[in-house]
Amino acid sequence: MDVYETVLYGSSIDALAAFYSNVIGLPLIEADPDLFAALRLPRGGVLLVFDPANAAAPGRQVPSHGAQGPGHVAFGVENLDAWREHLTAHLVAIEREIH
């Protein structure tokens, strides 16, 4: 079983889309800077990033939804050392590694 779709929330769709596309390397599928961005995960799933204020508004093409508080998604990687170097080069802080 794989995750087909997961959603993260943040107030700057452009910044989130740029991070997940340019730093993490996920291809951008579609974006609306006021509402969401959709990015393709390696095995065919989708990572959605939504503006929480706009995602909760009724009357859009997708049902209203949202979350409050910290979110979390974990990606499996093949080469942890290479990813550590890549993220460090992009000034991404690694809070903790679990082996």
Protein backbone atom coordinates (compact mmCIF):
# COMPACT_ATOMS: atom_id res chain seq x y z
CA MET A 1 0.00 0.00 0.00
CA ASP A 2 1.16 3.53 -0.80
CA VAL A 3 -0.07 6.94 0.22
CA TYR A 4 -1.99 8.30 -2.76
CA GLU A 5 -2.42 11.82 -1.46
CA THR A 6 -1.36 13.83 1.56
CA VAL A 7 -1.96 17.49 2.39
CA LEU A 8 0.18 20.04 4.18
CA TYR A 9 -0.91 23.59 5.02
CA GLY A 10 0.89 26.91 4.96
CA SER A 11 0.17 30.54 4.24
CA SER A 12 2.57 30.94 1.28
CA ILE A 13 1.68 28.53 -1.52
CA ASP A 14 4.46 29.94 -3.72
CA ALA A 15 7.10 29.30 -1.04
CA LEU A 16 5.81 25.79 -0.29
CA ALA A 17 5.65 24.88 -3.98
CA ALA A 18 9.17 26.24 -4.55
CA PHE A 19 10.58 24.27 -1.60
CA TYR A 20 9.01 20.93 -2.53
CA SER A 21 9.78 21.42 -6.22
CA ASN A 22 13.24 23.05 -6.18
CA VAL A 23 14.74 21.56 -3.01
CA ILE A 24 12.98 18.21 -2.62
CA GLY A 25 12.67 17.68 -6.39
CA LEU A 26 8.96 16.91 -6.74
CA PRO A 27 7.50 17.88 -10.14
CA LEU A 28 4.83 20.56 -9.92
CA ILE A 29 1.54 19.35 -11.43
CA GLU A 30 -0.65 22.40 -10.93
CA ALA A 31 -0.77 25.51 -8.75
CA ASP A 32 -3.07 28.34 -7.78
CA PRO A 33 -1.03 30.76 -5.61
CA ASP A 34 -4.12 31.74 -3.61
CA LEU A 35 -5.23 28.21 -2.76
CA PHE A 36 -2.99 25.22 -3.46
CA ALA A 37 -0.15 23.50 -5.28
CA ALA A 38 -0.08 19.84 -6.34
CA LEU A 39 3.23 18.00 -6.66
CA ARG A 40 3.88 14.47 -7.91
CA LEU A 41 5.40 11.98 -5.49
CA PRO A 42 7.89 9.44 -6.89
CA ARG A 43 5.52 6.44 -6.91
CA GLY A 44 2.55 8.26 -8.41
CA GLY A 45 0.97 9.84 -5.34
CA VAL A 46 0.31 13.51 -4.85
CA LEU A 47 1.52 16.01 -2.24
CA LEU A 48 -0.95 18.88 -1.93
CA VAL A 49 -0.12 22.12 -0.16
CA PHE A 50 -3.04 24.37 0.74
CA ASP A 51 -3.47 27.81 2.26
CA PRO A 52 -5.45 26.87 5.40
CA ALA A 53 -7.65 29.99 5.35
CA ASN A 54 -8.71 29.50 1.75
CA ALA A 55 -8.99 25.70 1.99
CA ALA A 56 -11.62 26.05 4.72
CA ALA A 57 -13.78 28.44 2.66
CA PRO A 58 -16.98 26.91 1.26
CA GLY A 59 -18.04 26.99 -2.40
CA ARG A 60 -14.86 25.84 -4.14
CA GLN A 61 -14.33 23.03 -6.65
CA VAL A 62 -13.09 20.71 -3.87
CA PRO A 63 -14.75 20.18 -0.48
CA SER A 64 -13.74 22.51 2.33
CA HIS A 65 -11.10 21.02 4.58
CA GLY A 66 -8.16 21.94 6.77
CA ALA A 67 -6.09 21.25 9.83
CA GLN A 68 -4.69 23.28 12.69
CA GLY A 69 -1.38 22.85 14.45
CA PRO A 70 1.84 21.29 13.22
CA GLY A 71 1.65 18.87 10.31
CA HIS A 72 3.97 16.02 9.46
CA VAL A 73 4.99 13.99 6.46
CA ALA A 74 7.95 11.62 6.26
CA PHE A 75 9.66 10.65 3.01
CA GLY A 76 11.67 7.47 2.63
CA VAL A 77 15.03 8.01 0.93
CA GLU A 78 17.56 5.69 -0.68
CA ASN A 79 20.76 7.55 0.25
CA LEU A 80 20.49 9.36 3.58
CA ASP A 81 24.01 10.82 3.42
CA ALA A 82 23.36 12.41 0.01
CA TRP A 83 20.03 13.85 1.19
CA ARG A 84 21.63 15.23 4.35
CA GLU A 85 24.22 17.05 2.23
CA HIS A 86 21.56 18.27 -0.21
CA LEU A 87 19.30 19.64 2.52
CA THR A 88 22.21 21.24 4.37
CA ALA A 89 23.28 22.95 1.13
CA HIS A 90 19.76 24.41 0.89
CA LEU A 91 19.92 25.59 4.53
CA VAL A 92 17.25 23.14 5.69
CA ALA A 93 17.69 22.32 9.37
CA ILE A 94 17.54 18.64 10.26
CA GLU A 95 15.89 18.47 13.66
CA ARG A 96 16.40 14.77 14.25
CA GLU A 97 17.33 11.57 12.47
CA ILE A 98 15.79 8.26 13.42
CA HIS A 99 17.56 5.10 12.31
